[in-house]
Amino acid sequence: MKTDQPNPPKLLLDEQIWEYLATLLRQQGFDVIHVLESGLEQTPDSEILQSAVENHRAVVTFNTKHFIPLALQYAVEGKEHYGIVVSNEIPQGELKKRVTKLLESVSAEEMVNMVRYLQEFK
């Protein structure tokens, strides 16, 4: 693993995210799964976030329309999540670069209840 972080976040990649990215990141030593690997395809976003919470994972998604309101709902209800990472749709190579940079620079603890934008990790 190429990180100085003692505890990088564990990630759950949403359905629209390039599936093979999970494999590539695991090869680098990161704990990353894709919804298709976990049997969550075509699952409502609220259930995807709940699964991520149960497994202490941050969600990476292109779906800001649904996940930003879910983050707000969790905040209002005082519920904890392990982070939501949102992005506009970007090419696969750029996506890999930014997610890797996120994993190398942010700890799991720093992601709790946070919404982060992949644009931060150019």
PDB file of N, CA and C in Angstrom:
ATOM      1  N   MET A   1       0.847  -1.174   0.000  1.00  0.00           N
ATOM      2  CA  MET A   1       0.000   0.000   0.000  1.00  0.00           C
ATOM      3  C   MET A   1       0.890   1.234   0.000  1.00  0.00           C
ATOM      4  N   LYS A   2       0.548   2.196  -0.837  1.00  0.00           N
ATOM      5  CA  LYS A   2       1.363   3.404  -0.989  1.00  0.00           C
ATOM      6  C   LYS A   2       0.851   4.544  -0.121  1.00  0.00           C
ATOM      7  N   THR A   3       0.496   4.314   1.096  1.00  0.00           N
ATOM      8  CA  THR A   3      -0.085   5.388   1.896  1.00  0.00           C
ATOM      9  C   THR A   3       0.678   5.598   3.192  1.00  0.00           C
ATOM     10  N   ASP A   4       0.745   6.841   3.614  1.00  0.00           N
ATOM     11  CA  ASP A   4       1.302   7.154   4.919  1.00  0.00           C
ATOM     12  C   ASP A   4       0.191   7.154   5.970  1.00  0.00           C
ATOM     13  N   GLN A   5      -1.050   7.089   5.519  1.00  0.00           N
ATOM     14  CA  GLN A   5      -2.174   7.081   6.444  1.00  0.00           C
ATOM     15  C   GLN A   5      -2.208   5.742   7.173  1.00  0.00           C
ATOM     16  N   PRO A   6      -2.323   5.748   8.489  1.00  0.00           N
ATOM     17  CA  PRO A   6      -2.378   4.494   9.218  1.00  0.00           C
ATOM     18  C   PRO A   6      -3.676   3.736   8.978  1.00  0.00           C
ATOM     19  N   ASN A   7      -4.717   4.428   8.575  1.00  0.00           N
ATOM     20  CA  ASN A   7      -6.018   3.799   8.450  1.00  0.00           C
ATOM     21  C   ASN A   7      -6.820   4.434   7.318  1.00  0.00           C
ATOM     22  N   PRO A   8      -6.506   4.107   6.056  1.00  0.00           N
ATOM     23  CA  PRO A   8      -7.290   4.690   4.962  1.00  0.00           C
ATOM     24  C   PRO A   8      -8.729   4.191   5.019  1.00  0.00           C
ATOM     25  N   PRO A   9      -9.673   4.968   4.500  1.00  0.00           N
ATOM     26  CA  PRO A   9     -11.067   4.532   4.534  1.00  0.00           C
ATOM     27  C   PRO A   9     -11.286   3.289   3.686  1.00  0.00           C
ATOM     28  N   LYS A  10     -12.232   2.473   4.115  1.00  0.00           N
ATOM     29  CA  LYS A  10     -12.710   1.361   3.296  1.00  0.00           C
ATOM     30  C   LYS A  10     -13.794   1.948   2.394  1.00  0.00           C
ATOM     31  N   LEU A  11     -13.829   1.515   1.133  1.00  0.00           N
ATOM     32  CA  LEU A  11     -14.762   2.113   0.177  1.00  0.00           C
ATOM     33  C   LEU A  11     -15.742   1.096  -0.392  1.00  0.00           C
ATOM     34  N   LEU A  12     -16.943   1.589  -0.679  1.00  0.00           N
ATOM     35  CA  LEU A  12     -17.946   0.880  -1.454  1.00  0.00           C
ATOM     36  C   LEU A  12     -18.204   1.733  -2.688  1.00  0.00           C
ATOM     37  N   LEU A  13     -17.895   1.199  -3.871  1.00  0.00           N
ATOM     38  CA  LEU A  13     -18.100   1.931  -5.123  1.00  0.00           C
ATOM     39  C   LEU A  13     -19.523   1.702  -5.606  1.00  0.00           C
ATOM     40  N   ASP A  14     -20.226   2.777  -5.903  1.00  0.00           N
ATOM     41  CA  ASP A  14     -21.611   2.712  -6.366  1.00  0.00           C
ATOM     42  C   ASP A  14     -21.677   2.136  -7.784  1.00  0.00           C
ATOM     43  N   GLU A  15     -22.882   1.797  -8.180  1.00  0.00           N
ATOM     44  CA  GLU A  15     -23.114   1.065  -9.427  1.00  0.00           C
ATOM     45  C   GLU A  15     -22.570   1.752 -10.677  1.00  0.00           C
ATOM     46  N   GLN A  16     -22.625   3.093 -10.747  1.00  0.00           N
ATOM     47  CA  GLN A  16     -22.177   3.787 -11.962  1.00  0.00           C
ATOM     48  C   GLN A  16     -20.661   3.869 -12.052  1.00  0.00           C
ATOM     49  N   ILE A  17     -19.977   3.600 -10.956  1.00  0.00           N
ATOM     50  CA  ILE A  17     -18.511   3.681 -10.932  1.00  0.00           C
ATOM     51  C   ILE A  17     -17.939   2.465 -11.651  1.00  0.00           C
ATOM     52  N   TRP A  18     -16.871   2.697 -12.384  1.00  0.00           N
ATOM     53  CA  TRP A  18     -16.148   1.667 -13.123  1.00  0.00           C
ATOM     54  C   TRP A  18     -15.849   0.487 -12.198  1.00  0.00           C
ATOM     55  N   GLU A  19     -16.412  -0.676 -12.512  1.00  0.00           N
ATOM     56  CA  GLU A  19     -16.310  -1.840 -11.623  1.00  0.00           C
ATOM     57  C   GLU A  19     -14.871  -2.304 -11.404  1.00  0.00           C
ATOM     58  N   TYR A  20     -14.052  -2.298 -12.460  1.00  0.00           N
ATOM     59  CA  TYR A  20     -12.683  -2.806 -12.345  1.00  0.00           C
ATOM     60  C   TYR A  20     -11.815  -1.939 -11.431  1.00  0.00           C
ATOM     61  N   LEU A  21     -12.255  -0.723 -11.150  1.00  0.00           N
ATOM     62  CA  LEU A  21     -11.505   0.147 -10.244  1.00  0.00           C
ATOM     63  C   LEU A  21     -11.324  -0.518  -8.880  1.00  0.00           C
ATOM     64  N   ALA A  22     -12.331  -1.242  -8.415  1.00  0.00           N
ATOM     65  CA  ALA A  22     -12.214  -1.928  -7.120  1.00  0.00           C
ATOM     66  C   ALA A  22     -11.055  -2.916  -7.143  1.00  0.00           C
ATOM     67  N   THR A  23     -10.932  -3.664  -8.214  1.00  0.00           N
ATOM     68  CA  THR A  23      -9.837  -4.633  -8.349  1.00  0.00           C
ATOM     69  C   THR A  23      -8.488  -3.931  -8.348  1.00  0.00           C
ATOM     70  N   LEU A  24      -8.370  -2.872  -9.126  1.00  0.00           N
ATOM     71  CA  LEU A  24      -7.099  -2.142  -9.210  1.00  0.00           C
ATOM     72  C   LEU A  24      -6.687  -1.575  -7.852  1.00  0.00           C
ATOM     73  N   LEU A  25      -7.638  -1.040  -7.117  1.00  0.00           N
ATOM     74  CA  LEU A  25      -7.323  -0.463  -5.810  1.00  0.00           C
ATOM     75  C   LEU A  25      -6.987  -1.546  -4.785  1.00  0.00           C
ATOM     76  N   ARG A  26      -7.650  -2.693  -4.880  1.00  0.00           N
ATOM     77  CA  ARG A  26      -7.297  -3.809  -3.990  1.00  0.00           C
ATOM     78  C   ARG A  26      -5.870  -4.284  -4.262  1.00  0.00           C
ATOM     79  N   GLN A  27      -5.468  -4.274  -5.538  1.00  0.00           N
ATOM     80  CA  GLN A  27      -4.099  -4.671  -5.884  1.00  0.00           C
ATOM     81  C   GLN A  27      -3.071  -3.734  -5.258  1.00  0.00           C
ATOM     82  N   GLN A  28      -3.486  -2.513  -4.949  1.00  0.00           N
ATOM     83  CA  GLN A  28      -2.603  -1.547  -4.282  1.00  0.00           C
ATOM     84  C   GLN A  28      -2.687  -1.674  -2.763  1.00  0.00           C
ATOM     85  N   GLY A  29      -3.512  -2.601  -2.276  1.00  0.00           N
ATOM     86  CA  GLY A  29      -3.607  -2.841  -0.841  1.00  0.00           C
ATOM     87  C   GLY A  29      -4.754  -2.151  -0.132  1.00  0.00           C
ATOM     88  N   PHE A  30      -5.659  -1.524  -0.879  1.00  0.00           N
ATOM     89  CA  PHE A  30      -6.787  -0.825  -0.269  1.00  0.00           C
ATOM     90  C   PHE A  30      -7.997  -1.751  -0.171  1.00  0.00           C
ATOM     91  N   ASP A  31      -8.843  -1.523   0.816  1.00  0.00           N
ATOM     92  CA  ASP A  31     -10.050  -2.315   1.043  1.00  0.00           C
ATOM     93  C   ASP A  31     -11.205  -1.638   0.305  1.00  0.00           C
ATOM     94  N   VAL A  32     -11.478  -2.123  -0.905  1.00  0.00           N
ATOM     95  CA  VAL A  32     -12.481  -1.512  -1.781  1.00  0.00           C
ATOM     96  C   VAL A  32     -13.331  -2.615  -2.396  1.00  0.00           C
ATOM     97  N   ILE A  33     -14.653  -2.437  -2.357  1.00  0.00           N
ATOM     98  CA  ILE A  33     -15.556  -3.349  -3.044  1.00  0.00           C
ATOM     99  C   ILE A  33     -16.517  -2.528  -3.899  1.00  0.00           C
ATOM    100  N   HIS A  34     -17.092  -3.184  -4.883  1.00  0.00           N
ATOM    101  CA  HIS A  34     -18.075  -2.567  -5.776  1.00  0.00           C
ATOM    102  C   HIS A  34     -19.447  -3.139  -5.432  1.00  0.00           C
ATOM    103  N   VAL A  35     -20.492  -2.363  -5.613  1.00  0.00           N
ATOM    104  CA  VAL A  35     -21.835  -2.860  -5.294  1.00  0.00           C
ATOM    105  C   VAL A  35     -22.158  -4.143  -6.049  1.00  0.00           C
ATOM    106  N   LEU A  36     -21.639  -4.299  -7.262  1.00  0.00           N
ATOM    107  CA  LEU A  36     -21.912  -5.514  -8.031  1.00  0.00           C
ATOM    108  C   LEU A  36     -21.262  -6.741  -7.401  1.00  0.00           C
ATOM    109  N   GLU A  37     -20.176  -6.545  -6.676  1.00  0.00           N
ATOM    110  CA  GLU A  37     -19.508  -7.654  -5.991  1.00  0.00           C
ATOM    111  C   GLU A  37     -20.222  -8.025  -4.692  1.00  0.00           C
ATOM    112  N   SER A  38     -20.998  -7.109  -4.183  1.00  0.00           N
ATOM    113  CA  SER A  38     -21.631  -7.338  -2.885  1.00  0.00           C
ATOM    114  C   SER A  38     -23.128  -7.606  -2.997  1.00  0.00           C
ATOM    115  N   GLY A  39     -23.608  -7.830  -4.224  1.00  0.00           N
ATOM    116  CA  GLY A  39     -25.008  -8.170  -4.424  1.00  0.00           C
ATOM    117  C   GLY A  39     -25.973  -7.012  -4.226  1.00  0.00           C
ATOM    118  N   LEU A  40     -25.481  -5.797  -4.354  1.00  0.00           N
ATOM    119  CA  LEU A  40     -26.325  -4.623  -4.120  1.00  0.00           C
ATOM    120  C   LEU A  40     -26.775  -3.927  -5.407  1.00  0.00           C
ATOM    121  N   GLU A  41     -26.566  -4.571  -6.569  1.00  0.00           N
ATOM    122  CA  GLU A  41     -26.973  -3.912  -7.803  1.00  0.00           C
ATOM    123  C   GLU A  41     -28.483  -3.678  -7.796  1.00  0.00           C
ATOM    124  N   GLN A  42     -28.876  -2.557  -8.340  1.00  0.00           N
ATOM    125  CA  GLN A  42     -30.269  -2.110  -8.422  1.00  0.00           C
ATOM    126  C   GLN A  42     -30.926  -1.985  -7.047  1.00  0.00           C
ATOM    127  N   THR A  43     -30.120  -1.712  -6.047  1.00  0.00           N
ATOM    128  CA  THR A  43     -30.611  -1.501  -4.685  1.00  0.00           C
ATOM    129  C   THR A  43     -30.839  -0.003  -4.489  1.00  0.00           C
ATOM    130  N   PRO A  44     -31.900   0.391  -3.798  1.00  0.00           N
ATOM    131  CA  PRO A  44     -32.104   1.823  -3.535  1.00  0.00           C
ATOM    132  C   PRO A  44     -30.890   2.434  -2.825  1.00  0.00           C
ATOM    133  N   ASP A  45     -30.622   3.690  -3.137  1.00  0.00           N
ATOM    134  CA  ASP A  45     -29.450   4.371  -2.589  1.00  0.00           C
ATOM    135  C   ASP A  45     -29.448   4.393  -1.064  1.00  0.00           C
ATOM    136  N   SER A  46     -30.614   4.526  -0.465  1.00  0.00           N
ATOM    137  CA  SER A  46     -30.675   4.532   1.003  1.00  0.00           C
ATOM    138  C   SER A  46     -30.180   3.209   1.578  1.00  0.00           C
ATOM    139  N   GLU A  47     -30.472   2.104   0.892  1.00  0.00           N
ATOM    140  CA  GLU A  47     -30.016   0.788   1.355  1.00  0.00           C
ATOM    141  C   GLU A  47     -28.528   0.594   1.082  1.00  0.00           C
ATOM    142  N   ILE A  48     -28.029   1.187  -0.001  1.00  0.00           N
ATOM    143  CA  ILE A  48     -26.588   1.127  -0.274  1.00  0.00           C
ATOM    144  C   ILE A  48     -25.836   1.857   0.832  1.00  0.00           C
ATOM    145  N   LEU A  49     -26.316   3.038   1.207  1.00  0.00           N
ATOM    146  CA  LEU A  49     -25.661   3.777   2.281  1.00  0.00           C
ATOM    147  C   LEU A  49     -25.758   3.009   3.596  1.00  0.00           C
ATOM    148  N   GLN A  50     -26.904   2.403   3.868  1.00  0.00           N
ATOM    149  CA  GLN A  50     -27.053   1.625   5.102  1.00  0.00           C
ATOM    150  C   GLN A  50     -26.082   0.445   5.118  1.00  0.00           C
ATOM    151  N   SER A  51     -25.929  -0.236   3.994  1.00  0.00           N
ATOM    152  CA  SER A  51     -24.966  -1.339   3.902  1.00  0.00           C
ATOM    153  C   SER A  51     -23.548  -0.835   4.140  1.00  0.00           C
ATOM    154  N   ALA A  52     -23.236   0.324   3.571  1.00  0.00           N
ATOM    155  CA  ALA A  52     -21.914   0.917   3.782  1.00  0.00           C
ATOM    156  C   ALA A  52     -21.694   1.209   5.267  1.00  0.00           C
ATOM    157  N   VAL A  53     -22.705   1.739   5.929  1.00  0.00           N
ATOM    158  CA  VAL A  53     -22.603   2.032   7.363  1.00  0.00           C
ATOM    159  C   VAL A  53     -22.357   0.741   8.144  1.00  0.00           C
ATOM    160  N   GLU A  54     -23.130  -0.287   7.841  1.00  0.00           N
ATOM    161  CA  GLU A  54     -22.992  -1.562   8.555  1.00  0.00           C
ATOM    162  C   GLU A  54     -21.600  -2.160   8.389  1.00  0.00           C
ATOM    163  N   ASN A  55     -20.950  -1.857   7.266  1.00  0.00           N
ATOM    164  CA  ASN A  55     -19.630  -2.413   6.973  1.00  0.00           C
ATOM    165  C   ASN A  55     -18.503  -1.394   7.133  1.00  0.00           C
ATOM    166  N   HIS A  56     -18.821  -0.243   7.732  1.00  0.00           N
ATOM    167  CA  HIS A  56     -17.837   0.819   8.010  1.00  0.00           C
ATOM    168  C   HIS A  56     -17.125   1.277   6.738  1.00  0.00           C
ATOM    169  N   ARG A  57     -17.897   1.498   5.667  1.00  0.00           N
ATOM    170  CA  ARG A  57     -17.355   1.916   4.381  1.00  0.00           C
ATOM    171  C   ARG A  57     -17.889   3.283   3.981  1.00  0.00           C
ATOM    172  N   ALA A  58     -17.058   4.039   3.296  1.00  0.00           N
ATOM    173  CA  ALA A  58     -17.494   5.268   2.637  1.00  0.00           C
ATOM    174  C   ALA A  58     -17.994   4.890   1.242  1.00  0.00           C
ATOM    175  N   VAL A  59     -18.992   5.583   0.762  1.00  0.00           N
ATOM    176  CA  VAL A  59     -19.546   5.343  -0.571  1.00  0.00           C
ATOM    177  C   VAL A  59     -18.909   6.315  -1.553  1.00  0.00           C
ATOM    178  N   VAL A  60     -18.500   5.797  -2.715  1.00  0.00           N
ATOM    179  CA  VAL A  60     -18.016   6.638  -3.815  1.00  0.00           C
ATOM    180  C   VAL A  60     -19.077   6.571  -4.908  1.00  0.00           C
ATOM    181  N   THR A  61     -19.562   7.728  -5.348  1.00  0.00           N
ATOM    182  CA  THR A  61     -20.684   7.749  -6.283  1.00  0.00           C
ATOM    183  C   THR A  61     -20.623   8.950  -7.223  1.00  0.00           C
ATOM    184  N   PHE A  62     -21.252   8.795  -8.375  1.00  0.00           N
ATOM    185  CA  PHE A  62     -21.501   9.920  -9.274  1.00  0.00           C
ATOM    186  C   PHE A  62     -22.889  10.518  -8.985  1.00  0.00           C
ATOM    187  N   ASN A  63     -23.664   9.874  -8.127  1.00  0.00           N
ATOM    188  CA  ASN A  63     -25.066  10.198  -7.907  1.00  0.00           C
ATOM    189  C   ASN A  63     -25.251  11.240  -6.795  1.00  0.00           C
ATOM    190  N   THR A  64     -24.897  12.474  -7.096  1.00  0.00           N
ATOM    191  CA  THR A  64     -25.061  13.543  -6.104  1.00  0.00           C
ATOM    192  C   THR A  64     -26.545  13.809  -5.827  1.00  0.00           C
ATOM    193  N   LYS A  65     -27.377  13.588  -6.819  1.00  0.00           N
ATOM    194  CA  LYS A  65     -28.813  13.877  -6.694  1.00  0.00           C
ATOM    195  C   LYS A  65     -29.442  13.138  -5.514  1.00  0.00           C
ATOM    196  N   HIS A  66     -29.009  11.914  -5.262  1.00  0.00           N
ATOM    197  CA  HIS A  66     -29.597  11.138  -4.172  1.00  0.00           C
ATOM    198  C   HIS A  66     -28.733  11.095  -2.910  1.00  0.00           C
ATOM    199  N   PHE A  67     -27.418  11.070  -3.078  1.00  0.00           N
ATOM    200  CA  PHE A  67     -26.562  10.876  -1.906  1.00  0.00           C
ATOM    201  C   PHE A  67     -26.355  12.142  -1.073  1.00  0.00           C
ATOM    202  N   ILE A  68     -26.401  13.315  -1.684  1.00  0.00           N
ATOM    203  CA  ILE A  68     -26.296  14.546  -0.891  1.00  0.00           C
ATOM    204  C   ILE A  68     -27.513  14.676   0.034  1.00  0.00           C
ATOM    205  N   PRO A  69     -28.745  14.489  -0.476  1.00  0.00           N
ATOM    206  CA  PRO A  69     -29.895  14.523   0.438  1.00  0.00           C
ATOM    207  C   PRO A  69     -29.830  13.439   1.522  1.00  0.00           C
ATOM    208  N   LEU A  70     -29.303  12.261   1.185  1.00  0.00           N
ATOM    209  CA  LEU A  70     -29.158  11.218   2.205  1.00  0.00           C
ATOM    210  C   LEU A  70     -28.198  11.657   3.308  1.00  0.00           C
ATOM    211  N   ALA A  71     -27.106  12.310   2.921  1.00  0.00           N
ATOM    212  CA  ALA A  71     -26.152  12.810   3.920  1.00  0.00           C
ATOM    213  C   ALA A  71     -26.831  13.835   4.832  1.00  0.00           C
ATOM    214  N   LEU A  72     -27.632  14.716   4.245  1.00  0.00           N
ATOM    215  CA  LEU A  72     -28.360  15.712   5.042  1.00  0.00           C
ATOM    216  C   LEU A  72     -29.368  15.045   5.975  1.00  0.00           C
ATOM    217  N   GLN A  73     -30.057  14.030   5.462  1.00  0.00           N
ATOM    218  CA  GLN A  73     -31.018  13.290   6.281  1.00  0.00           C
ATOM    219  C   GLN A  73     -30.315  12.631   7.471  1.00  0.00           C
ATOM    220  N   TYR A  74     -29.165  12.010   7.227  1.00  0.00           N
ATOM    221  CA  TYR A  74     -28.408  11.389   8.318  1.00  0.00           C
ATOM    222  C   TYR A  74     -28.021  12.441   9.359  1.00  0.00           C
ATOM    223  N   ALA A  75     -27.599  13.611   8.906  1.00  0.00           N
ATOM    224  CA  ALA A  75     -27.192  14.673   9.835  1.00  0.00           C
ATOM    225  C   ALA A  75     -28.374  15.127  10.690  1.00  0.00           C
ATOM    226  N   VAL A  76     -29.516  15.358  10.055  1.00  0.00           N
ATOM    227  CA  VAL A  76     -30.712  15.810  10.771  1.00  0.00           C
ATOM    228  C   VAL A  76     -31.155  14.768  11.798  1.00  0.00           C
ATOM    229  N   GLU A  77     -31.063  13.490  11.419  1.00  0.00           N
ATOM    230  CA  GLU A  77     -31.504  12.410  12.304  1.00  0.00           C
ATOM    231  C   GLU A  77     -30.431  12.007  13.317  1.00  0.00           C
ATOM    232  N   GLY A  78     -29.255  12.627  13.238  1.00  0.00           N
ATOM    233  CA  GLY A  78     -28.178  12.288  14.162  1.00  0.00           C
ATOM    234  C   GLY A  78     -27.578  10.917  13.915  1.00  0.00           C
ATOM    235  N   LYS A  79     -27.716  10.424  12.687  1.00  0.00           N
ATOM    236  CA  LYS A  79     -27.172   9.113  12.333  1.00  0.00           C
ATOM    237  C   LYS A  79     -25.763   9.282  11.774  1.00  0.00           C
ATOM    238  N   GLU A  80     -24.925   8.306  12.039  1.00  0.00           N
ATOM    239  CA  GLU A  80     -23.538   8.361  11.589  1.00  0.00           C
ATOM    240  C   GLU A  80     -23.350   7.541  10.313  1.00  0.00           C
ATOM    241  N   HIS A  81     -22.515   8.063   9.414  1.00  0.00           N
ATOM    242  CA  HIS A  81     -22.081   7.288   8.247  1.00  0.00           C
ATOM    243  C   HIS A  81     -20.571   7.439   8.144  1.00  0.00           C
ATOM    244  N   TYR A  82     -19.968   6.653   7.268  1.00  0.00           N
ATOM    245  CA  TYR A  82     -18.508   6.613   7.182  1.00  0.00           C
ATOM    246  C   TYR A  82     -17.966   7.399   5.997  1.00  0.00           C
ATOM    247  N   GLY A  83     -18.798   8.279   5.467  1.00  0.00           N
ATOM    248  CA  GLY A  83     -18.362   9.169   4.413  1.00  0.00           C
ATOM    249  C   GLY A  83     -19.049   8.903   3.092  1.00  0.00           C
ATOM    250  N   ILE A  84     -19.220   9.981   2.346  1.00  0.00           N
ATOM    251  CA  ILE A  84     -19.765   9.915   0.992  1.00  0.00           C
ATOM    252  C   ILE A  84     -18.834  10.744   0.125  1.00  0.00           C
ATOM    253  N   VAL A  85     -18.355  10.122  -0.942  1.00  0.00           N
ATOM    254  CA  VAL A  85     -17.448  10.787  -1.878  1.00  0.00           C
ATOM    255  C   VAL A  85     -18.194  10.913  -3.194  1.00  0.00           C
ATOM    256  N   VAL A  86     -18.403  12.146  -3.642  1.00  0.00           N
ATOM    257  CA  VAL A  86     -19.157  12.375  -4.867  1.00  0.00           C
ATOM    258  C   VAL A  86     -18.258  12.982  -5.937  1.00  0.00           C
ATOM    259  N   SER A  87     -18.647  12.729  -7.177  1.00  0.00           N
ATOM    260  CA  SER A  87     -17.881  13.234  -8.312  1.00  0.00           C
ATOM    261  C   SER A  87     -18.792  13.369  -9.510  1.00  0.00           C
ATOM    262  N   ASN A  88     -18.412  14.280 -10.389  1.00  0.00           N
ATOM    263  CA  ASN A  88     -19.026  14.264 -11.706  1.00  0.00           C
ATOM    264  C   ASN A  88     -18.411  13.069 -12.444  1.00  0.00           C
ATOM    265  N   GLU A  89     -19.030  12.657 -13.544  1.00  0.00           N
ATOM    266  CA  GLU A  89     -18.477  11.526 -14.294  1.00  0.00           C
ATOM    267  C   GLU A  89     -17.195  11.977 -14.978  1.00  0.00           C
ATOM    268  N   ILE A  90     -16.120  11.248 -14.714  1.00  0.00           N
ATOM    269  CA  ILE A  90     -14.802  11.570 -15.262  1.00  0.00           C
ATOM    270  C   ILE A  90     -14.201  10.316 -15.878  1.00  0.00           C
ATOM    271  N   PRO A  91     -13.209  10.469 -16.766  1.00  0.00           N
ATOM    272  CA  PRO A  91     -12.588   9.296 -17.391  1.00  0.00           C
ATOM    273  C   PRO A  91     -11.984   8.351 -16.348  1.00  0.00           C
ATOM    274  N   GLN A  92     -11.921   7.077 -16.701  1.00  0.00           N
ATOM    275  CA  GLN A  92     -11.468   6.042 -15.775  1.00  0.00           C
ATOM    276  C   GLN A  92     -10.089   6.320 -15.186  1.00  0.00           C
ATOM    277  N   GLY A  93      -9.151   6.740 -16.007  1.00  0.00           N
ATOM    278  CA  GLY A  93      -7.804   7.011 -15.516  1.00  0.00           C
ATOM    279  C   GLY A  93      -7.787   8.118 -14.482  1.00  0.00           C
ATOM    280  N   GLU A  94      -8.550   9.161 -14.733  1.00  0.00           N
ATOM    281  CA  GLU A  94      -8.635  10.280 -13.787  1.00  0.00           C
ATOM    282  C   GLU A  94      -9.343   9.844 -12.507  1.00  0.00           C
ATOM    283  N   LEU A  95     -10.373   9.029 -12.651  1.00  0.00           N
ATOM    284  CA  LEU A  95     -11.094   8.510 -11.491  1.00  0.00           C
ATOM    285  C   LEU A  95     -10.154   7.702 -10.596  1.00  0.00           C
ATOM    286  N   LYS A  96      -9.375   6.817 -11.192  1.00  0.00           N
ATOM    287  CA  LYS A  96      -8.418   6.005 -10.428  1.00  0.00           C
ATOM    288  C   LYS A  96      -7.409   6.899  -9.710  1.00  0.00           C
ATOM    289  N   LYS A  97      -6.896   7.891 -10.418  1.00  0.00           N
ATOM    290  CA  LYS A  97      -5.905   8.801  -9.834  1.00  0.00           C
ATOM    291  C   LYS A  97      -6.476   9.532  -8.617  1.00  0.00           C
ATOM    292  N   ARG A  98      -7.688  10.055  -8.755  1.00  0.00           N
ATOM    293  CA  ARG A  98      -8.282  10.843  -7.670  1.00  0.00           C
ATOM    294  C   ARG A  98      -8.668   9.980  -6.469  1.00  0.00           C
ATOM    295  N   VAL A  99      -9.234   8.806  -6.734  1.00  0.00           N
ATOM    296  CA  VAL A  99      -9.606   7.935  -5.615  1.00  0.00           C
ATOM    297  C   VAL A  99      -8.353   7.460  -4.886  1.00  0.00           C
ATOM    298  N   THR A 100      -7.300   7.148  -5.636  1.00  0.00           N
ATOM    299  CA  THR A 100      -6.036   6.750  -5.006  1.00  0.00           C
ATOM    300  C   THR A 100      -5.498   7.875  -4.132  1.00  0.00           C
ATOM    301  N   LYS A 101      -5.545   9.094  -4.645  1.00  0.00           N
ATOM    302  CA  LYS A 101      -5.058  10.242  -3.862  1.00  0.00           C
ATOM    303  C   LYS A 101      -5.887  10.421  -2.591  1.00  0.00           C
ATOM    304  N   LEU A 102      -7.196  10.251  -2.697  1.00  0.00           N
ATOM    305  CA  LEU A 102      -8.066  10.303  -1.518  1.00  0.00           C
ATOM    306  C   LEU A 102      -7.621   9.265  -0.492  1.00  0.00           C
ATOM    307  N   LEU A 103      -7.436   8.028  -0.938  1.00  0.00           N
ATOM    308  CA  LEU A 103      -7.063   6.945  -0.028  1.00  0.00           C
ATOM    309  C   LEU A 103      -5.697   7.170   0.613  1.00  0.00           C
ATOM    310  N   GLU A 104      -4.823   7.851  -0.102  1.00  0.00           N
ATOM    311  CA  GLU A 104      -3.479   8.111   0.414  1.00  0.00           C
ATOM    312  C   GLU A 104      -3.418   9.319   1.347  1.00  0.00           C
ATOM    313  N   SER A 105      -4.459  10.148   1.341  1.00  0.00           N
ATOM    314  CA  SER A 105      -4.359  11.404   2.089  1.00  0.00           C
ATOM    315  C   SER A 105      -5.419  11.618   3.163  1.00  0.00           C
ATOM    316  N   VAL A 106      -6.440  10.774   3.213  1.00  0.00           N
ATOM    317  CA  VAL A 106      -7.522  10.955   4.180  1.00  0.00           C
ATOM    318  C   VAL A 106      -7.696   9.658   4.969  1.00  0.00           C
ATOM    319  N   SER A 107      -7.783   9.767   6.277  1.00  0.00           N
ATOM    320  CA  SER A 107      -7.985   8.575   7.103  1.00  0.00           C
ATOM    321  C   SER A 107      -9.474   8.243   7.202  1.00  0.00           C
ATOM    322  N   ALA A 108      -9.753   7.020   7.601  1.00  0.00           N
ATOM    323  CA  ALA A 108     -11.140   6.601   7.810  1.00  0.00           C
ATOM    324  C   ALA A 108     -11.824   7.502   8.837  1.00  0.00           C
ATOM    325  N   GLU A 109     -11.095   7.866   9.876  1.00  0.00           N
ATOM    326  CA  GLU A 109     -11.660   8.720  10.924  1.00  0.00           C
ATOM    327  C   GLU A 109     -12.034  10.099  10.385  1.00  0.00           C
ATOM    328  N   GLU A 110     -11.237  10.614   9.463  1.00  0.00           N
ATOM    329  CA  GLU A 110     -11.516  11.931   8.880  1.00  0.00           C
ATOM    330  C   GLU A 110     -12.718  11.910   7.934  1.00  0.00           C
ATOM    331  N   MET A 111     -13.123  10.734   7.490  1.00  0.00           N
ATOM    332  CA  MET A 111     -14.250  10.617   6.564  1.00  0.00           C
ATOM    333  C   MET A 111     -15.597  10.523   7.270  1.00  0.00           C
ATOM    334  N   VAL A 112     -15.607  10.208   8.558  1.00  0.00           N
ATOM    335  CA  VAL A 112     -16.868   9.988   9.272  1.00  0.00           C
ATOM    336  C   VAL A 112     -17.764  11.220   9.156  1.00  0.00           C
ATOM    337  N   ASN A 113     -18.988  10.971   8.679  1.00  0.00           N
ATOM    338  CA  ASN A 113     -20.032  11.994   8.511  1.00  0.00           C
ATOM    339  C   ASN A 113     -19.660  13.110   7.537  1.00  0.00           C
ATOM    340  N   MET A 114     -18.672  12.877   6.694  1.00  0.00           N
ATOM    341  CA  MET A 114     -18.235  13.893   5.738  1.00  0.00           C
ATOM    342  C   MET A 114     -18.755  13.578   4.336  1.00  0.00           C
ATOM    343  N   VAL A 115     -18.999  14.640   3.578  1.00  0.00           N
ATOM    344  CA  VAL A 115     -19.208  14.533   2.136  1.00  0.00           C
ATOM    345  C   VAL A 115     -17.990  15.188   1.515  1.00  0.00           C
ATOM    346  N   ARG A 116     -17.278  14.432   0.701  1.00  0.00           N
ATOM    347  CA  ARG A 116     -16.073  14.952   0.042  1.00  0.00           C
ATOM    348  C   ARG A 116     -16.296  14.885  -1.468  1.00  0.00           C
ATOM    349  N   TYR A 117     -15.680  15.805  -2.172  1.00  0.00           N
ATOM    350  CA  TYR A 117     -15.775  15.861  -3.626  1.00  0.00           C
ATOM    351  C   TYR A 117     -14.441  15.421  -4.215  1.00  0.00           C
ATOM    352  N   LEU A 118     -14.482  14.519  -5.196  1.00  0.00           N
ATOM    353  CA  LEU A 118     -13.234  14.037  -5.797  1.00  0.00           C
ATOM    354  C   LEU A 118     -12.444  15.157  -6.449  1.00  0.00           C
ATOM    355  N   GLN A 119     -13.095  16.258  -6.779  1.00  0.00           N
ATOM    356  CA  GLN A 119     -12.386  17.414  -7.340  1.00  0.00           C
ATOM    357  C   GLN A 119     -11.277  17.886  -6.408  1.00  0.00           C
ATOM    358  N   GLU A 120     -11.433  17.647  -5.104  1.00  0.00           N
ATOM    359  CA  GLU A 120     -10.426  18.054  -4.123  1.00  0.00           C
ATOM    360  C   GLU A 120      -9.110  17.304  -4.314  1.00  0.00           C
ATOM    361  N   PHE A 121      -9.147  16.182  -5.022  1.00  0.00           N
ATOM    362  CA  PHE A 121      -7.999  15.279  -5.079  1.00  0.00           C
ATOM    363  C   PHE A 121      -7.396  15.199  -6.471  1.00  0.00           C
ATOM    364  N   LYS A 122      -7.383  16.340  -7.169  1.00  0.00           N
ATOM    365  CA  LYS A 122      -6.788  16.391  -8.515  1.00  0.00           C
ATOM    366  C   LYS A 122      -5.292  16.252  -8.442  1.00  0.00           C
TER     367      LYS A 122
END
